[in-house]
Amino acid sequence: MKAIDVRAVRANVERFKAAEPQVGIVVVADRRAPMGVVVSVTDQIRLAGVSDITFTTTTLASMPTAKP
C-alpha cells in the first residue's frame, strides 16, 4: 500500500489500468479523512476509467509504511 497525493491519483490509476485493463482499486482512507478528499479521489479514479472501486477505513497509525 502506498499513500499518494490526490493530484497524482488519475495518472497512477491510468498506468495500472494500461497494464491490467480489468483493474479494481481499493481506497484506504483514514477515518478522519475529509469526505471531500475521498470524493475527489473517487472522481479521479473514475476519470481514469475504473469503476470497480472498494472503500475501507483505517487509522494512519495502523497503516504499514510504504517503501519506494
C-alpha atoms as a PDB file:
ATOM      1  CA  MET A   1       0.000   0.000   0.000  1.00  0.00           C
ATOM      2  CA  LYS A   2       1.305   3.429  -0.910  1.00  0.00           C
ATOM      3  CA  ALA A   3      -0.024   6.859   0.022  1.00  0.00           C
ATOM      4  CA  ILE A   4      -0.120   9.311  -2.899  1.00  0.00           C
ATOM      5  CA  ASP A   5      -1.197  12.902  -3.392  1.00  0.00           C
ATOM      6  CA  VAL A   6      -4.712  13.356  -4.788  1.00  0.00           C
ATOM      7  CA  ARG A   7      -3.194  15.213  -7.769  1.00  0.00           C
ATOM      8  CA  ALA A   8      -1.343  12.027  -8.752  1.00  0.00           C
ATOM      9  CA  VAL A   9      -4.288   9.630  -8.440  1.00  0.00           C
ATOM     10  CA  ARG A  10      -5.521   9.739 -12.030  1.00  0.00           C
ATOM     11  CA  ALA A  11      -2.068   9.261 -13.590  1.00  0.00           C
ATOM     12  CA  ASN A  12      -1.290   6.341 -11.276  1.00  0.00           C
ATOM     13  CA  VAL A  13      -4.631   4.678 -11.957  1.00  0.00           C
ATOM     14  CA  GLU A  14      -4.241   5.144 -15.725  1.00  0.00           C
ATOM     15  CA  ARG A  15      -0.813   3.464 -15.530  1.00  0.00           C
ATOM     16  CA  PHE A  16      -2.254   0.496 -13.584  1.00  0.00           C
ATOM     17  CA  LYS A  17      -5.195   0.264 -15.998  1.00  0.00           C
ATOM     18  CA  ALA A  18      -2.856   0.203 -19.018  1.00  0.00           C
ATOM     19  CA  ALA A  19      -1.040  -2.780 -17.521  1.00  0.00           C
ATOM     20  CA  GLU A  20      -4.210  -4.529 -16.301  1.00  0.00           C
ATOM     21  CA  PRO A  21      -7.402  -3.362 -18.070  1.00  0.00           C
ATOM     22  CA  GLN A  22      -9.719  -5.049 -15.545  1.00  0.00           C
ATOM     23  CA  VAL A  23      -8.013  -3.377 -12.560  1.00  0.00           C
ATOM     24  CA  GLY A  24     -10.013  -2.679  -9.410  1.00  0.00           C
ATOM     25  CA  ILE A  25      -8.998  -0.046  -6.890  1.00  0.00           C
ATOM     26  CA  VAL A  26      -9.130  -0.182  -3.086  1.00  0.00           C
ATOM     27  CA  VAL A  27      -9.258   3.240  -1.439  1.00  0.00           C
ATOM     28  CA  VAL A  28      -7.872   3.019   2.097  1.00  0.00           C
ATOM     29  CA  ALA A  29      -8.787   6.257   3.843  1.00  0.00           C
ATOM     30  CA  ASP A  30      -8.071   7.382   7.367  1.00  0.00           C
ATOM     31  CA  ARG A  31     -11.291   7.558   9.381  1.00  0.00           C
ATOM     32  CA  ARG A  32     -10.655  11.263   9.881  1.00  0.00           C
ATOM     33  CA  ALA A  33     -10.122  11.997   6.183  1.00  0.00           C
ATOM     34  CA  PRO A  34     -12.384  14.805   4.996  1.00  0.00           C
ATOM     35  CA  MET A  35     -15.241  13.476   2.861  1.00  0.00           C
ATOM     36  CA  GLY A  36     -14.320  15.986   0.150  1.00  0.00           C
ATOM     37  CA  VAL A  37     -10.898  14.382  -0.242  1.00  0.00           C
ATOM     38  CA  VAL A  38     -12.424  10.899  -0.518  1.00  0.00           C
ATOM     39  CA  VAL A  39     -14.861  12.200  -3.166  1.00  0.00           C
ATOM     40  CA  SER A  40     -12.008  13.882  -5.082  1.00  0.00           C
ATOM     41  CA  VAL A  41     -10.003  10.649  -5.074  1.00  0.00           C
ATOM     42  CA  THR A  42     -13.046   8.704  -6.258  1.00  0.00           C
ATOM     43  CA  ASP A  43     -13.648  11.228  -9.053  1.00  0.00           C
ATOM     44  CA  GLN A  44     -10.037  10.883 -10.231  1.00  0.00           C
ATOM     45  CA  ILE A  45     -10.299   7.088 -10.253  1.00  0.00           C
ATOM     46  CA  ARG A  46     -13.484   7.220 -12.307  1.00  0.00           C
ATOM     47  CA  LEU A  47     -11.953   9.766 -14.715  1.00  0.00           C
ATOM     48  CA  ALA A  48      -9.116   7.278 -15.233  1.00  0.00           C
ATOM     49  CA  GLY A  49     -11.709   4.782 -16.445  1.00  0.00           C
ATOM     50  CA  VAL A  50     -12.074   2.495 -13.422  1.00  0.00           C
ATOM     51  CA  SER A  51     -15.495   1.798 -11.953  1.00  0.00           C
ATOM     52  CA  ASP A  52     -14.556  -1.133  -9.686  1.00  0.00           C
ATOM     53  CA  ILE A  53     -13.782   0.833  -6.501  1.00  0.00           C
ATOM     54  CA  THR A  54     -13.790  -0.569  -2.968  1.00  0.00           C
ATOM     55  CA  PHE A  55     -13.525   1.562   0.169  1.00  0.00           C
ATOM     56  CA  THR A  56     -12.134   0.795   3.600  1.00  0.00           C
ATOM     57  CA  THR A  57     -11.071   2.902   6.546  1.00  0.00           C
ATOM     58  CA  THR A  58      -8.167   2.664   8.918  1.00  0.00           C
ATOM     59  CA  THR A  59      -6.155   4.896  11.186  1.00  0.00           C
ATOM     60  CA  LEU A  60      -2.819   6.179   9.985  1.00  0.00           C
ATOM     61  CA  ALA A  61      -1.076   4.514  12.911  1.00  0.00           C
ATOM     62  CA  SER A  62      -2.199   1.079  11.715  1.00  0.00           C
ATOM     63  CA  MET A  63      -1.104   1.552   8.088  1.00  0.00           C
ATOM     64  CA  PRO A  64       2.122  -0.169   7.063  1.00  0.00           C
ATOM     65  CA  THR A  65       4.888   2.150   5.949  1.00  0.00           C
ATOM     66  CA  ALA A  66       5.118   2.295   2.155  1.00  0.00           C
ATOM     67  CA  LYS A  67       8.539   1.577   0.733  1.00  0.00           C
ATOM     68  CA  PRO A  68       9.581   3.148  -2.564  1.00  0.00           C
END
